[in-house]
Amino acid sequence: MEPAILSATAALFGSVVGGVSTLAASWLTQRGQLRAQSMIHEALKREALHAEFMIEAARRFYRSLEPSRREPRGCGRSLFRGQPDAPRLVG
């Protein structure tokens, strides 16, 4: 084999290997960035859902602490306020 052909073949093979490795590195970098962006997006979605859940849970907890509107007025409260319509428990 002639030295010129061997040299040209080695140079061509080196160029192909360099191009393939550059392409592979670029592909892996892009894939990693896409995966990181996807993970960040999912985390933000979960965070927004969690915030919405916490707001709704706090709203429902607050409503549970309010006096019930279905209860007739004076029912249960007059015992603690000492109003005259309260039944006497002692003597």
C-alpha atoms as a PDB file:
ATOM      1  CA  MET A   1       0.000   0.000   0.000  1.00  0.00           C
ATOM      2  CA  GLU A   2       1.345   3.382  -0.913  1.00  0.00           C
ATOM      3  CA  PRO A   3       2.140   5.833   1.858  1.00  0.00           C
ATOM      4  CA  ALA A   4      -0.002   8.575   0.253  1.00  0.00           C
ATOM      5  CA  ILE A   5      -3.106   6.376   0.192  1.00  0.00           C
ATOM      6  CA  LEU A   6      -2.468   5.259   3.768  1.00  0.00           C
ATOM      7  CA  SER A   7      -2.060   8.850   4.916  1.00  0.00           C
ATOM      8  CA  ALA A   8      -5.227   9.973   3.096  1.00  0.00           C
ATOM      9  CA  THR A   9      -7.221   7.033   4.470  1.00  0.00           C
ATOM     10  CA  ALA A  10      -6.041   7.783   8.022  1.00  0.00           C
ATOM     11  CA  ALA A  11      -6.985  11.449   7.635  1.00  0.00           C
ATOM     12  CA  LEU A  12     -10.414  10.550   6.244  1.00  0.00           C
ATOM     13  CA  PHE A  13     -11.002   8.017   9.018  1.00  0.00           C
ATOM     14  CA  GLY A  14      -9.912  10.585  11.623  1.00  0.00           C
ATOM     15  CA  SER A  15     -12.341  13.150  10.196  1.00  0.00           C
ATOM     16  CA  VAL A  16     -15.207  10.634  10.292  1.00  0.00           C
ATOM     17  CA  VAL A  17     -14.422   9.660  13.895  1.00  0.00           C
ATOM     18  CA  GLY A  18     -14.172  13.332  14.910  1.00  0.00           C
ATOM     19  CA  GLY A  19     -17.495  14.157  13.213  1.00  0.00           C
ATOM     20  CA  VAL A  20     -19.284  11.212  14.794  1.00  0.00           C
ATOM     21  CA  SER A  21     -17.912  12.028  18.254  1.00  0.00           C
ATOM     22  CA  THR A  22     -18.946  15.691  17.873  1.00  0.00           C
ATOM     23  CA  LEU A  23     -22.425  14.622  16.797  1.00  0.00           C
ATOM     24  CA  ALA A  24     -22.714  12.182  19.707  1.00  0.00           C
ATOM     25  CA  ALA A  25     -21.528  14.777  22.227  1.00  0.00           C
ATOM     26  CA  SER A  26     -23.966  17.327  20.836  1.00  0.00           C
ATOM     27  CA  TRP A  27     -26.826  14.823  20.962  1.00  0.00           C
ATOM     28  CA  LEU A  28     -26.045  13.809  24.550  1.00  0.00           C
ATOM     29  CA  THR A  29     -25.786  17.451  25.654  1.00  0.00           C
ATOM     30  CA  GLN A  30     -29.106  18.315  24.019  1.00  0.00           C
ATOM     31  CA  ARG A  31     -30.746  15.265  25.549  1.00  0.00           C
ATOM     32  CA  GLY A  32     -29.477  16.176  29.015  1.00  0.00           C
ATOM     33  CA  GLN A  33     -30.700  19.750  28.691  1.00  0.00           C
ATOM     34  CA  LEU A  34     -34.107  18.599  27.497  1.00  0.00           C
ATOM     35  CA  ARG A  35     -34.376  16.164  30.388  1.00  0.00           C
ATOM     36  CA  ALA A  36     -33.410  18.884  32.887  1.00  0.00           C
ATOM     37  CA  GLN A  37     -35.972  21.292  31.430  1.00  0.00           C
ATOM     38  CA  SER A  38     -38.625  18.579  31.539  1.00  0.00           C
ATOM     39  CA  MET A  39     -37.855  17.840  35.185  1.00  0.00           C
ATOM     40  CA  ILE A  40     -38.025  21.540  36.075  1.00  0.00           C
ATOM     41  CA  HIS A  41     -41.344  21.871  34.242  1.00  0.00           C
ATOM     42  CA  GLU A  42     -42.783  18.856  36.080  1.00  0.00           C
ATOM     43  CA  ALA A  43     -41.558  20.198  39.413  1.00  0.00           C
ATOM     44  CA  LEU A  44     -43.215  23.560  38.726  1.00  0.00           C
ATOM     45  CA  LYS A  45     -46.466  21.813  37.793  1.00  0.00           C
ATOM     46  CA  ARG A  46     -46.361  19.780  41.003  1.00  0.00           C
ATOM     47  CA  GLU A  47     -45.565  22.895  43.023  1.00  0.00           C
ATOM     48  CA  ALA A  48     -48.529  24.758  41.519  1.00  0.00           C
ATOM     49  CA  LEU A  49     -50.818  21.795  42.172  1.00  0.00           C
ATOM     50  CA  HIS A  50     -49.587  21.554  45.754  1.00  0.00           C
ATOM     51  CA  ALA A  51     -50.143  25.299  46.283  1.00  0.00           C
ATOM     52  CA  GLU A  52     -53.670  24.994  44.903  1.00  0.00           C
ATOM     53  CA  PHE A  53     -54.302  22.024  47.192  1.00  0.00           C
ATOM     54  CA  MET A  54     -53.007  23.895  50.250  1.00  0.00           C
ATOM     55  CA  ILE A  55     -55.168  26.941  49.476  1.00  0.00           C
ATOM     56  CA  GLU A  56     -58.264  24.772  49.093  1.00  0.00           C
ATOM     57  CA  ALA A  57     -57.431  22.810  52.260  1.00  0.00           C
ATOM     58  CA  ALA A  58     -56.955  26.036  54.237  1.00  0.00           C
ATOM     59  CA  ARG A  59     -60.227  27.421  52.840  1.00  0.00           C
ATOM     60  CA  ARG A  60     -62.117  24.293  53.837  1.00  0.00           C
ATOM     61  CA  PHE A  61     -60.480  24.220  57.270  1.00  0.00           C
ATOM     62  CA  TYR A  62     -61.436  27.846  57.835  1.00  0.00           C
ATOM     63  CA  ARG A  63     -65.013  27.112  56.769  1.00  0.00           C
ATOM     64  CA  SER A  64     -65.145  24.186  59.168  1.00  0.00           C
ATOM     65  CA  LEU A  65     -64.292  26.540  62.027  1.00  0.00           C
ATOM     66  CA  GLU A  66     -67.149  28.920  61.193  1.00  0.00           C
ATOM     67  CA  PRO A  67     -70.460  28.339  62.960  1.00  0.00           C
ATOM     68  CA  SER A  68     -72.724  26.158  60.885  1.00  0.00           C
ATOM     69  CA  ARG A  69     -75.404  28.075  58.996  1.00  0.00           C
ATOM     70  CA  ARG A  70     -77.747  25.080  59.035  1.00  0.00           C
ATOM     71  CA  GLU A  71     -77.999  25.177  62.821  1.00  0.00           C
ATOM     72  CA  PRO A  72     -80.984  27.143  64.223  1.00  0.00           C
ATOM     73  CA  ARG A  73     -80.035  30.360  66.000  1.00  0.00           C
ATOM     74  CA  GLY A  74     -79.390  29.991  69.669  1.00  0.00           C
ATOM     75  CA  CYS A  75     -79.095  26.218  69.535  1.00  0.00           C
ATOM     76  CA  GLY A  76     -76.112  25.244  71.614  1.00  0.00           C
ATOM     77  CA  ARG A  77     -74.880  28.792  72.062  1.00  0.00           C
ATOM     78  CA  SER A  78     -77.387  29.919  74.656  1.00  0.00           C
ATOM     79  CA  LEU A  79     -75.949  27.431  77.169  1.00  0.00           C
ATOM     80  CA  PHE A  80     -72.642  29.238  77.142  1.00  0.00           C
ATOM     81  CA  ARG A  81     -73.960  32.779  77.098  1.00  0.00           C
ATOM     82  CA  GLY A  82     -76.338  32.342  80.001  1.00  0.00           C
ATOM     83  CA  GLN A  83     -79.393  33.518  78.101  1.00  0.00           C
ATOM     84  CA  PRO A  84     -82.802  33.012  79.744  1.00  0.00           C
ATOM     85  CA  ASP A  85     -83.998  30.544  77.095  1.00  0.00           C
ATOM     86  CA  ALA A  86     -81.254  28.100  78.054  1.00  0.00           C
ATOM     87  CA  PRO A  87     -82.409  24.976  79.878  1.00  0.00           C
ATOM     88  CA  ARG A  88     -81.230  24.705  83.435  1.00  0.00           C
ATOM     89  CA  LEU A  89     -78.894  21.837  84.042  1.00  0.00           C
ATOM     90  CA  VAL A  90     -78.497  22.240  87.795  1.00  0.00           C
ATOM     91  CA  GLY A  91     -81.282  22.592  90.325  1.00  0.00           C
END
